[in-house]
């Protein structure tokens, strides 16, 4: 999986390193090299340290980098008193234990929506001031019957004229979810 974040190309999940993220040097997207001693603009390699191997299944770029793994979303931030990633300041914390499916997350408004590991529920993750962190909420709680007999395999977001997430199920049907963050 890959994404651009803070002018770095971020790549993740190889067969040998399923929970590792590689970040290029800033504005040099093909250069992942490092130097001795370490410089702030070096490439970065980060392995998410969890109790078990949880492969990275998606990435999203908000104020922080969000890594969606089979064990739940992680927040990768620049650390204290920093605005940008450097090899010496990067911090990764697991946000919740609601695992993610192999369906690309959708960036919608101030949140990122993702399909939960069993491909039945949709969760939204966003920063919440009252908890001073990222919170993952069950968005599909009132419509669990929609995916009772089928799994979500693909989705896309339509911003205009109405905010709608269209989902393709493995039984070849299409369902939709209206999104109103307010």
Protein backbone atom coordinates (compact mmCIF):
# COMPACT_ATOMS: atom_id res chain seq x y z
CA UNK A 1 0.00 0.00 0.00
CA UNK A 2 1.19 3.54 -0.55
CA UNK A 3 0.32 7.19 0.01
CA UNK A 4 1.98 10.61 0.09
CA UNK A 5 2.28 12.26 3.51
CA UNK A 6 4.22 15.43 4.40
CA UNK A 7 5.90 15.37 0.99
CA UNK A 8 7.19 11.83 1.57
CA UNK A 9 6.16 8.71 -0.35
CA UNK A 10 5.02 6.17 2.25
CA UNK A 11 4.98 2.49 1.27
CA UNK A 12 3.96 -0.41 3.51
CA UNK A 13 3.36 -4.16 3.74
CA UNK A 14 5.69 -6.46 1.86
CA UNK A 15 5.58 -10.24 2.22
CA UNK A 16 8.71 -10.17 4.40
CA UNK A 17 7.68 -7.10 6.44
CA UNK A 18 3.87 -6.86 6.61
CA UNK A 19 3.79 -4.29 9.42
CA UNK A 20 6.59 -1.99 8.24
CA UNK A 21 6.29 1.47 6.69
CA UNK A 22 9.05 2.99 4.55
CA UNK A 23 9.08 6.76 4.01
CA UNK A 24 11.14 8.43 1.32
CA UNK A 25 13.21 11.54 1.78
CA UNK A 26 11.06 14.70 1.55
CA UNK A 27 10.34 15.71 -2.09
CA UNK A 28 12.60 12.91 -3.30
CA UNK A 29 10.07 10.13 -3.69
CA UNK A 30 12.46 7.53 -5.11
CA UNK A 31 15.13 8.04 -2.43
CA UNK A 32 14.68 6.00 0.75
CA UNK A 33 18.36 6.20 1.76
CA UNK A 34 19.72 7.15 5.17
CA UNK A 35 23.00 8.65 6.25
CA UNK A 36 25.41 8.37 9.19
CA UNK A 37 24.91 10.37 11.33
CA UNK A 38 21.16 10.51 10.79
CA UNK A 39 19.79 13.66 9.16
CA UNK A 40 16.25 15.03 9.54
CA UNK A 41 15.62 14.58 5.80
CA UNK A 42 16.70 10.92 5.67
CA UNK A 43 14.36 8.13 4.64
CA UNK A 44 12.48 6.51 7.52
CA UNK A 45 11.73 2.85 8.23
CA UNK A 46 9.13 2.17 10.92
CA UNK A 47 7.88 -1.22 12.08
CA UNK A 48 4.68 -1.12 14.12
CA UNK A 49 5.50 -2.84 17.41
CA UNK A 50 2.46 -4.84 18.45
CA UNK A 51 1.83 -8.07 20.35
CA UNK A 52 1.30 -9.95 17.08
CA UNK A 53 1.95 -9.45 13.40
CA UNK A 54 -0.81 -7.21 12.03
CA UNK A 55 -0.36 -6.51 8.34
CA UNK A 56 -0.89 -2.97 7.13
CA UNK A 57 -3.93 -2.93 4.85
CA UNK A 58 -4.32 0.78 4.14
CA UNK A 59 -2.83 4.21 4.77
CA UNK A 60 -4.46 7.64 5.09
CA UNK A 61 -2.98 11.10 5.40
CA UNK A 62 -4.55 13.54 7.85
CA UNK A 63 -2.62 15.75 10.31
CA UNK A 64 -0.99 12.44 11.21
CA UNK A 65 -0.40 9.33 9.10
CA UNK A 66 -3.02 6.67 9.78
CA UNK A 67 -2.04 3.03 9.22
CA UNK A 68 -4.93 0.57 9.02
CA UNK A 69 -3.87 -2.92 10.08
CA UNK A 70 -5.62 -6.26 10.56
CA UNK A 71 -5.40 -5.55 14.31
CA UNK A 72 -6.75 -1.99 14.16
CA UNK A 73 -5.76 1.52 13.13
CA UNK A 74 -2.48 3.11 14.20
CA UNK A 75 -1.64 6.81 14.44
CA UNK A 76 1.87 7.67 13.27
CA UNK A 77 2.79 11.17 14.40
CA UNK A 78 5.81 13.42 14.36
CA UNK A 79 6.22 13.32 18.13
CA UNK A 80 6.21 16.08 20.69
CA UNK A 81 7.02 19.65 19.69
CA UNK A 82 7.45 18.68 16.02
CA UNK A 83 5.32 19.32 12.98
CA UNK A 84 7.15 17.09 10.49
CA UNK A 85 8.42 13.52 10.47
CA UNK A 86 12.11 12.98 11.14
CA UNK A 87 13.87 9.66 11.80
CA UNK A 88 14.39 10.64 15.45
CA UNK A 89 10.94 12.02 16.26
CA UNK A 90 8.42 9.54 14.82
CA UNK A 91 5.91 7.93 17.20
CA UNK A 92 3.37 5.17 16.40
CA UNK A 93 0.45 4.30 18.69
CA UNK A 94 -2.42 1.91 18.16
CA UNK A 95 -5.69 3.83 18.22
CA UNK A 96 -8.15 0.94 18.62
CA UNK A 97 -8.39 -2.82 18.21
CA UNK A 98 -11.09 -2.80 15.53
CA UNK A 99 -9.19 -4.55 12.74
CA UNK A 100 -9.36 -3.40 9.13
CA UNK A 101 -10.28 -5.31 5.98
CA UNK A 102 -8.33 -5.20 2.70
CA UNK A 103 -10.58 -2.42 1.36
CA UNK A 104 -9.00 1.01 0.84
CA UNK A 105 -10.00 3.55 3.49
CA UNK A 106 -12.03 6.55 2.33
CA UNK A 107 -11.00 10.08 3.27
CA UNK A 108 -14.28 11.88 3.99
CA UNK A 109 -14.23 15.36 5.51
CA UNK A 110 -12.33 15.36 8.79
CA UNK A 111 -12.61 11.57 9.21
CA UNK A 112 -11.35 8.46 7.50
CA UNK A 113 -13.84 5.65 6.99
CA UNK A 114 -12.71 2.02 6.86
CA UNK A 115 -14.28 -1.40 6.55
CA UNK A 116 -13.86 -3.51 9.68
CA UNK A 117 -11.95 -6.81 9.38
CA UNK A 118 -15.03 -9.06 8.94
CA UNK A 119 -16.20 -6.80 6.03
CA UNK A 120 -19.59 -6.23 7.69
CA UNK A 121 -19.20 -2.89 9.51
CA UNK A 122 -18.00 0.56 8.58
CA UNK A 123 -16.04 2.58 11.08
CA UNK A 124 -15.02 6.21 11.02
CA UNK A 125 -11.87 7.44 12.68
CA UNK A 126 -11.11 11.06 13.40
CA UNK A 127 -9.44 13.30 15.93
CA UNK A 128 -11.68 14.20 18.88
CA UNK A 129 -10.71 17.07 21.15
CA UNK A 130 -12.59 15.69 24.18
CA UNK A 131 -10.38 12.57 24.21
CA UNK A 132 -7.30 14.34 22.77
CA UNK A 133 -6.82 11.54 20.28
CA UNK A 134 -8.26 9.58 17.40
CA UNK A 135 -11.55 7.80 18.06
CA UNK A 136 -13.05 5.01 15.96
CA UNK A 137 -16.86 4.94 15.77
CA UNK A 138 -19.23 2.37 14.28
CA UNK A 139 -20.89 4.28 11.42
CA UNK A 140 -23.09 1.41 10.24
CA UNK A 141 -24.65 0.64 13.62
CA UNK A 142 -28.18 1.47 12.44
CA UNK A 143 -27.90 -0.55 9.22
CA UNK A 144 -26.33 -3.88 10.18
CA UNK A 145 -29.00 -5.69 8.17
CA UNK A 146 -27.50 -4.33 4.91
CA UNK A 147 -24.42 -6.56 5.16
CA UNK A 148 -25.99 -9.48 7.01
CA UNK A 149 -25.73 -11.89 4.06
CA UNK A 150 -22.82 -10.35 2.15
CA UNK A 151 -19.41 -8.71 2.62
CA UNK A 152 -18.17 -5.32 1.45
CA UNK A 153 -15.50 -5.85 -1.23
CA UNK A 154 -15.12 -2.36 -2.77
CA UNK A 155 -16.36 1.16 -2.22
CA UNK A 156 -16.08 4.70 -3.50
CA UNK A 157 -17.15 8.11 -2.26
CA UNK A 158 -19.36 10.55 -4.17
CA UNK A 159 -18.95 14.06 -2.76
CA UNK A 160 -21.47 15.96 -4.91
CA UNK A 161 -24.38 16.54 -5.12
CA UNK A 162 -24.85 14.42 -1.96
CA UNK A 163 -22.22 12.82 0.23
CA UNK A 164 -22.68 9.11 -0.46
CA UNK A 165 -20.36 6.12 0.03
CA UNK A 166 -21.26 3.45 -2.55
CA UNK A 167 -20.37 -0.12 -1.59
CA UNK A 168 -20.14 -3.23 -3.75
CA UNK A 169 -20.93 -6.46 -1.92
CA UNK A 170 -19.61 -9.92 -2.78
CA UNK A 171 -23.13 -10.99 -3.84
CA UNK A 172 -22.94 -8.37 -6.65
CA UNK A 173 -25.35 -5.90 -5.06
CA UNK A 174 -24.63 -2.23 -4.42
CA UNK A 175 -25.62 -0.40 -1.25
CA UNK A 176 -25.05 3.18 -0.17
CA UNK A 177 -24.37 5.10 2.98
CA UNK A 178 -25.11 8.80 3.26
CA UNK A 179 -22.50 10.78 5.12
CA UNK A 180 -23.28 13.91 7.15
CA UNK A 181 -20.52 14.56 9.67
CA UNK A 182 -22.37 17.46 11.30
